[in-house]
Amino acid sequence: MEIIFLGTGCMQPTKLRNHAGVLLQHGTEHILFDCGEGIQRQMRIAGVKPAKITKLCISHFHGDHVFGIPGLLSSMGADQFASKLQIYGPKGTKQYLKNFLEAFAAKDIIEHEVHEVASGIIFEGETFTIEARPLKHSVPCIGYRFQEKDKRRIQVAKTEKLGLQGPLLGELQEGKNVEWKGKVIKAEDVTYLVSGKSVSYVTDTALCNGAVALAKDVDVLIIEGTLLDDLRANAKKSLHLTVKQAALIASENNVKKLVITHISQRYKTNHEIMEEAQSYFAGAIVAEDFMKIKV
């Protein structure tokens, strides 16, 4: 699993930070969280073909998170996208997208299916789930958690000693007991579980239960830290998190890796942001456009 940061700024893009967008690659799945203006160009620079996107998860419909959607859908059509894009977003998503596509002479718009979601598991596949939780912002807003399912691995030394091979190994890996040479071989005796990895995406929000729930025990927390804590009054007024608040959410909820994103254009370097974040969460990092993280 790999995460690519396509846009790490907030309301106004800068020379170094594009509008919001984070791509999570897992096997054949390419899940895009938010789609700010210019994201399809960011994808080209990062070496990712737009037609590979399988799911689009929208946090809310402020412009810096969605202005790139019409262009992305059009580019995916021009690139011969051959499937149906699954789009998830808060209440109102269907109408917003309808308005977007009626506002210009739409061309090559791909087939897509829109799901308005609120809370709980919104997708479950063979290898992972996606969960949504409501956040606290000035418009309906949700955060997401990608959760790999646990994997069962073969204890090779044990299965080789027993002479097990072929389809029997596949059944054991599925957690099924098998019969071999007149004996029942229990899956738990020759396999072990590997815990699935998790990634949460939390932006834009004030401190709330949804943000805390998404952070709980997650492997990678991608969370906004729009302003430093000396401007917490501004952050509170606009319903955003400060860097300190984001770091405390991580430190208090057993987060393994913290990544601060959605950085205000007022900050020209990462130094102050990094310093404040690491004061409350050791090893915290500040996202930059085109940064990649292996999970």
Protein backbone atom coordinates (compact mmCIF):
# COMPACT_ATOMS: atom_id res chain seq x y z
CA MET A 1 0.00 0.00 0.00
CA GLU A 2 1.27 3.45 -0.94
CA ILE A 3 -0.01 6.95 -0.26
CA ILE A 4 0.75 9.82 -2.65
CA PHE A 5 0.06 13.41 -1.57
CA LEU A 6 -1.19 15.28 -4.63
CA GLY A 7 -2.26 18.45 -2.84
CA THR A 8 -1.44 19.59 0.69
CA GLY A 9 -2.61 23.21 0.79
CA CYS A 10 -5.95 24.69 1.78
CA MET A 11 -8.13 27.54 0.46
CA GLN A 12 -5.53 29.10 -1.83
CA PRO A 13 -2.89 27.09 -3.70
CA THR A 14 0.72 28.25 -3.56
CA LYS A 15 3.80 27.61 -5.69
CA LEU A 16 4.54 24.57 -3.53
CA ARG A 17 1.11 23.36 -2.41
CA ASN A 18 -1.83 22.42 -4.59
CA HIS A 19 -5.43 22.14 -3.43
CA ALA A 20 -6.39 19.03 -1.43
CA GLY A 21 -5.95 15.51 -2.79
CA VAL A 22 -4.52 12.26 -1.42
CA LEU A 23 -4.22 9.04 -3.41
CA LEU A 24 -4.14 5.63 -1.73
CA GLN A 25 -2.97 2.72 -3.88
CA HIS A 26 -3.79 -0.80 -2.70
CA GLY A 27 -3.38 -3.59 -5.23
CA THR A 28 -5.54 -2.65 -8.22
CA GLU A 29 -7.48 -0.09 -6.18
CA HIS A 30 -6.64 3.60 -6.56
CA ILE A 31 -8.70 5.59 -4.05
CA LEU A 32 -8.62 9.38 -4.30
CA PHE A 33 -9.54 11.36 -1.19
CA ASP A 34 -10.73 14.81 -2.32
CA CYS A 35 -10.08 16.35 -5.71
CA GLY A 36 -9.02 19.98 -5.59
CA GLU A 37 -8.35 22.11 -8.63
CA GLY A 38 -5.40 20.86 -10.69
CA ILE A 39 -5.34 17.33 -9.23
CA GLN A 40 -5.28 15.63 -12.63
CA ARG A 41 -2.12 17.59 -13.50
CA GLN A 42 -0.62 16.61 -10.14
CA MET A 43 -1.37 12.99 -11.01
CA ARG A 44 0.45 13.30 -14.32
CA ILE A 45 3.50 14.72 -12.58
CA ALA A 46 3.38 11.90 -10.02
CA GLY A 47 3.19 9.31 -12.79
CA VAL A 48 -0.36 8.18 -12.05
CA LYS A 49 -2.85 7.79 -14.90
CA PRO A 50 -6.24 9.34 -14.06
CA ALA A 51 -7.99 6.33 -15.63
CA LYS A 52 -6.64 4.15 -12.81
CA ILE A 53 -8.83 5.83 -10.18
CA THR A 54 -11.44 3.38 -8.89
CA LYS A 55 -13.02 5.35 -6.04
CA LEU A 56 -13.36 9.04 -5.20
CA CYS A 57 -14.06 9.89 -1.55
CA ILE A 58 -15.12 13.51 -1.06
CA SER A 59 -14.92 15.09 2.39
CA HIS A 60 -17.10 18.15 1.62
CA PHE A 61 -17.97 20.56 -1.15
CA HIS A 62 -15.82 23.57 -0.42
CA GLY A 63 -14.04 24.51 -3.64
CA ASP A 64 -10.51 23.64 -2.59
CA HIS A 65 -11.62 20.01 -2.19
CA VAL A 66 -13.78 19.54 -5.31
CA PHE A 67 -12.99 22.01 -8.11
CA GLY A 68 -10.92 19.33 -9.87
CA ILE A 69 -13.75 16.80 -10.20
CA PRO A 70 -15.22 17.82 -13.61
CA GLY A 71 -11.79 17.89 -15.22
CA LEU A 72 -10.82 14.55 -13.70
CA LEU A 73 -14.00 12.84 -14.92
CA SER A 74 -13.46 14.27 -18.40
CA SER A 75 -9.80 13.20 -18.52
CA MET A 76 -10.69 9.71 -17.36
CA GLY A 77 -13.15 9.49 -20.24
CA ALA A 78 -10.55 10.67 -22.73
CA ASP A 79 -8.18 8.03 -21.32
CA GLN A 80 -10.74 5.28 -22.07
CA PHE A 81 -11.73 4.51 -18.49
CA ALA A 82 -13.53 1.19 -18.88
CA SER A 83 -15.35 0.77 -15.59
CA LYS A 84 -17.76 2.71 -13.36
CA LEU A 85 -16.23 5.20 -10.92
CA GLN A 86 -17.62 4.91 -7.39
CA ILE A 87 -18.03 8.35 -5.79
CA TYR A 88 -18.69 8.80 -2.06
CA GLY A 89 -19.55 12.03 -0.30
CA PRO A 90 -21.76 13.70 2.31
CA LYS A 91 -25.42 14.58 1.93
CA GLY A 92 -25.91 16.80 -1.11
CA THR A 93 -23.21 15.15 -3.21
CA LYS A 94 -25.60 14.04 -5.98
CA GLN A 95 -26.99 17.53 -6.50
CA TYR A 96 -23.58 19.21 -6.36
CA LEU A 97 -22.17 16.86 -9.00
CA LYS A 98 -25.25 17.32 -11.17
CA ASN A 99 -24.76 21.09 -10.98
CA PHE A 100 -21.07 20.74 -11.84
CA LEU A 101 -21.74 18.74 -14.98
CA GLU A 102 -24.57 21.00 -16.13
CA ALA A 103 -22.39 24.11 -15.83
CA PHE A 104 -20.34 23.43 -18.99
CA ALA A 105 -20.51 21.50 -22.26
CA ALA A 106 -19.53 18.20 -20.66
CA LYS A 107 -17.50 15.89 -22.86
CA ASP A 108 -16.15 12.35 -22.29
CA ILE A 109 -17.69 12.22 -18.79
CA ILE A 110 -17.28 8.69 -17.53
CA GLU A 111 -19.94 6.45 -16.09
CA HIS A 112 -20.10 6.94 -12.34
CA GLU A 113 -22.23 6.03 -9.35
CA VAL A 114 -22.74 8.42 -6.45
CA HIS A 115 -23.20 7.31 -2.84
CA GLU A 116 -24.25 9.84 -0.20
CA VAL A 117 -22.87 8.55 3.10
CA ALA A 118 -23.01 9.54 6.75
CA SER A 119 -21.46 7.09 9.21
CA GLY A 120 -20.32 3.48 9.36
CA ILE A 121 -18.92 1.04 6.80
CA ILE A 122 -19.64 2.43 3.32
CA PHE A 123 -17.73 -0.18 1.32
CA GLU A 124 -16.61 -3.73 2.02
CA GLY A 125 -14.52 -5.76 -0.40
CA GLU A 126 -12.54 -8.97 -0.13
CA THR A 127 -9.44 -7.30 1.26
CA PHE A 128 -10.51 -3.99 2.82
CA THR A 129 -13.31 -1.79 4.11
CA ILE A 130 -13.90 1.96 3.99
CA GLU A 131 -15.60 3.65 6.93
CA ALA A 132 -17.05 7.17 7.11
CA ARG A 133 -17.56 9.39 10.14
CA PRO A 134 -19.18 12.83 10.34
CA LEU A 135 -16.87 15.77 11.06
CA LYS A 136 -17.66 19.27 12.35
CA HIS A 137 -17.38 21.94 9.68
CA SER A 138 -19.44 24.78 8.22
CA VAL A 139 -20.99 22.42 5.64
CA PRO A 140 -21.70 18.65 5.79
CA CYS A 141 -18.29 17.00 6.01
CA ILE A 142 -17.04 13.47 6.57
CA GLY A 143 -13.72 11.75 7.21
CA TYR A 144 -12.71 8.30 6.00
CA ARG A 145 -10.85 5.27 7.31
CA PHE A 146 -9.38 2.65 4.98
CA GLN A 147 -8.94 -0.66 6.82
CA GLU A 148 -7.20 -3.71 5.40
CA LYS A 149 -8.64 -7.01 6.53
CA ASP A 150 -6.39 -9.33 8.51
CA LYS A 151 -4.45 -11.81 6.36
CA ARG A 152 -3.78 -15.41 7.23
CA ARG A 153 -0.27 -16.60 6.31
CA ILE A 154 1.06 -20.14 5.98
CA GLN A 155 3.73 -21.34 8.42
CA VAL A 156 5.80 -22.85 5.63
CA ALA A 157 8.07 -24.99 7.80
CA LYS A 158 5.07 -26.74 9.36
CA THR A 159 3.17 -27.34 6.12
CA GLU A 160 6.30 -28.65 4.37
CA LYS A 161 6.96 -31.04 7.25
CA LEU A 162 3.41 -32.39 6.88
CA GLY A 163 3.73 -32.58 3.09
CA LEU A 164 0.80 -30.24 2.50
CA GLN A 165 0.60 -28.58 -0.89
CA GLY A 166 -1.66 -27.31 -3.66
CA PRO A 167 -5.32 -26.44 -3.00
CA LEU A 168 -5.06 -27.54 0.64
CA LEU A 169 -2.77 -24.60 1.36
CA GLY A 170 -5.33 -22.24 -0.14
CA GLU A 171 -8.06 -23.64 2.09
CA LEU A 172 -5.88 -23.33 5.17
CA GLN A 173 -5.09 -19.72 4.24
CA GLU A 174 -8.84 -19.08 4.15
CA GLY A 175 -9.03 -20.34 7.74
CA LYS A 176 -10.55 -23.71 6.85
CA ASN A 177 -9.49 -27.00 8.43
CA VAL A 178 -8.44 -29.72 5.96
CA GLU A 179 -8.14 -33.49 5.97
CA TRP A 180 -4.74 -34.96 5.06
CA LYS A 181 -3.67 -38.58 5.26
CA GLY A 182 -6.59 -39.45 7.52
CA LYS A 183 -5.99 -36.57 9.92
CA VAL A 184 -7.69 -33.19 10.36
CA ILE A 185 -5.21 -30.32 10.07
CA LYS A 186 -6.48 -27.23 11.84
CA ALA A 187 -5.83 -23.93 10.13
CA GLU A 188 -4.85 -22.30 13.42
CA ASP A 189 -2.05 -24.87 13.87
CA VAL A 190 -0.26 -24.17 10.59
CA THR A 191 -1.10 -20.54 9.86
CA TYR A 192 -0.86 -17.16 11.58
CA LEU A 193 -2.73 -13.87 11.27
CA VAL A 194 -1.17 -10.63 10.09
CA SER A 195 -3.12 -7.56 11.16
CA GLY A 196 -4.35 -5.37 8.33
CA LYS A 197 -3.03 -1.82 7.98
CA SER A 198 -5.25 1.25 8.35
CA VAL A 199 -5.21 4.83 7.04
CA SER A 200 -7.53 7.67 8.09
CA TYR A 201 -8.15 10.93 6.24
CA VAL A 202 -9.53 13.75 8.40
CA THR A 203 -10.17 17.26 6.98
CA ASP A 204 -11.78 19.88 7.40
CA THR A 205 -13.05 19.89 10.97
CA ALA A 206 -13.09 21.31 14.44
CA LEU A 207 -12.36 18.95 17.31
CA CYS A 208 -15.18 16.36 17.35
CA ASN A 209 -16.03 12.73 18.14
CA GLY A 210 -15.78 11.72 14.48
CA ALA A 211 -12.17 12.86 14.20
CA VAL A 212 -11.26 10.99 17.39
CA ALA A 213 -13.00 7.80 16.25
CA LEU A 214 -11.17 7.82 12.92
CA ALA A 215 -7.84 8.32 14.68
CA LYS A 216 -8.27 5.47 17.18
CA ASP A 217 -5.44 2.90 16.78
CA VAL A 218 -4.87 3.83 13.12
CA ASP A 219 -1.53 3.10 11.44
CA VAL A 220 -1.42 6.37 9.46
CA LEU A 221 -3.46 9.45 10.37
CA ILE A 222 -3.61 12.09 7.65
CA ILE A 223 -5.17 15.09 9.36
CA GLU A 224 -5.46 18.79 8.83
CA GLY A 225 -3.37 21.22 10.83
CA THR A 226 -4.36 24.38 9.03
CA LEU A 227 -3.00 26.87 11.56
CA LEU A 228 -0.51 26.96 14.39
CA ASP A 229 -1.95 27.07 17.88
CA ASP A 230 -1.24 30.78 18.38
CA LEU A 231 -4.09 31.30 15.90
CA ARG A 232 -6.46 28.83 17.58
CA ALA A 233 -9.16 31.54 17.83
CA ASN A 234 -9.08 31.84 14.03
CA ALA A 235 -9.14 28.07 13.67
CA LYS A 236 -12.09 27.77 16.03
CA LYS A 237 -14.03 30.44 14.16
CA SER A 238 -13.51 28.70 10.79
CA LEU A 239 -14.00 25.20 12.24
CA HIS A 240 -10.50 23.95 11.55
CA LEU A 241 -7.90 22.15 13.66
CA THR A 242 -4.64 23.66 14.77
CA VAL A 243 -1.43 21.66 14.44
CA LYS A 244 -1.38 21.17 18.22
CA GLN A 245 -4.94 19.84 18.27
CA ALA A 246 -4.19 17.41 15.44
CA ALA A 247 -1.05 16.17 17.20
CA LEU A 248 -2.91 15.70 20.50
CA ILE A 249 -5.64 13.69 18.74
CA ALA A 250 -2.89 11.42 17.44
CA SER A 251 -0.99 11.09 20.72
CA GLU A 252 -4.13 10.37 22.74
CA ASN A 253 -5.48 7.70 20.37
CA ASN A 254 -2.56 5.35 19.77
CA VAL A 255 -1.81 6.58 16.24
CA LYS A 256 1.36 5.06 14.81
CA LYS A 257 2.24 7.67 12.15
CA LEU A 258 0.96 11.25 11.98
CA VAL A 259 0.94 13.33 8.80
CA ILE A 260 -0.16 16.97 8.98
CA THR A 261 -1.75 18.39 5.82
CA HIS A 262 -4.12 21.18 4.61
CA ILE A 263 -1.53 23.83 5.46
CA SER A 264 -2.47 27.51 5.36
CA GLN A 265 -0.81 29.57 2.63
CA ARG A 266 0.50 31.93 5.32
CA TYR A 267 3.27 29.43 6.19
CA LYS A 268 6.17 29.58 3.74
CA THR A 269 8.17 26.71 5.30
CA ASN A 270 7.44 23.58 7.32
CA HIS A 271 9.70 24.51 10.22
CA GLU A 272 7.16 25.98 12.65
CA ILE A 273 4.53 23.39 11.76
CA MET A 274 6.95 20.52 12.29
CA GLU A 275 8.17 21.98 15.57
CA GLU A 276 4.67 22.33 17.01
CA ALA A 277 3.53 18.91 15.80
CA GLN A 278 6.57 17.11 17.19
CA SER A 279 6.15 18.83 20.55
CA TYR A 280 3.03 16.70 21.04
CA PHE A 281 3.67 13.70 18.78
CA ALA A 282 7.22 12.46 18.30
CA GLY A 283 8.03 11.70 14.69
CA ALA A 284 5.14 13.69 13.21
CA ILE A 285 5.72 14.75 9.62
CA VAL A 286 4.33 17.55 7.48
CA ALA A 287 2.95 16.55 4.10
CA GLU A 288 4.37 18.05 0.92
CA ASP A 289 3.05 17.76 -2.61
CA PHE A 290 4.26 14.52 -4.30
CA MET A 291 5.45 13.00 -1.02
CA LYS A 292 4.98 9.22 -0.93
CA ILE A 293 4.53 6.94 2.06
CA LYS A 294 4.68 3.14 2.08
CA VAL A 295 2.34 1.52 4.60
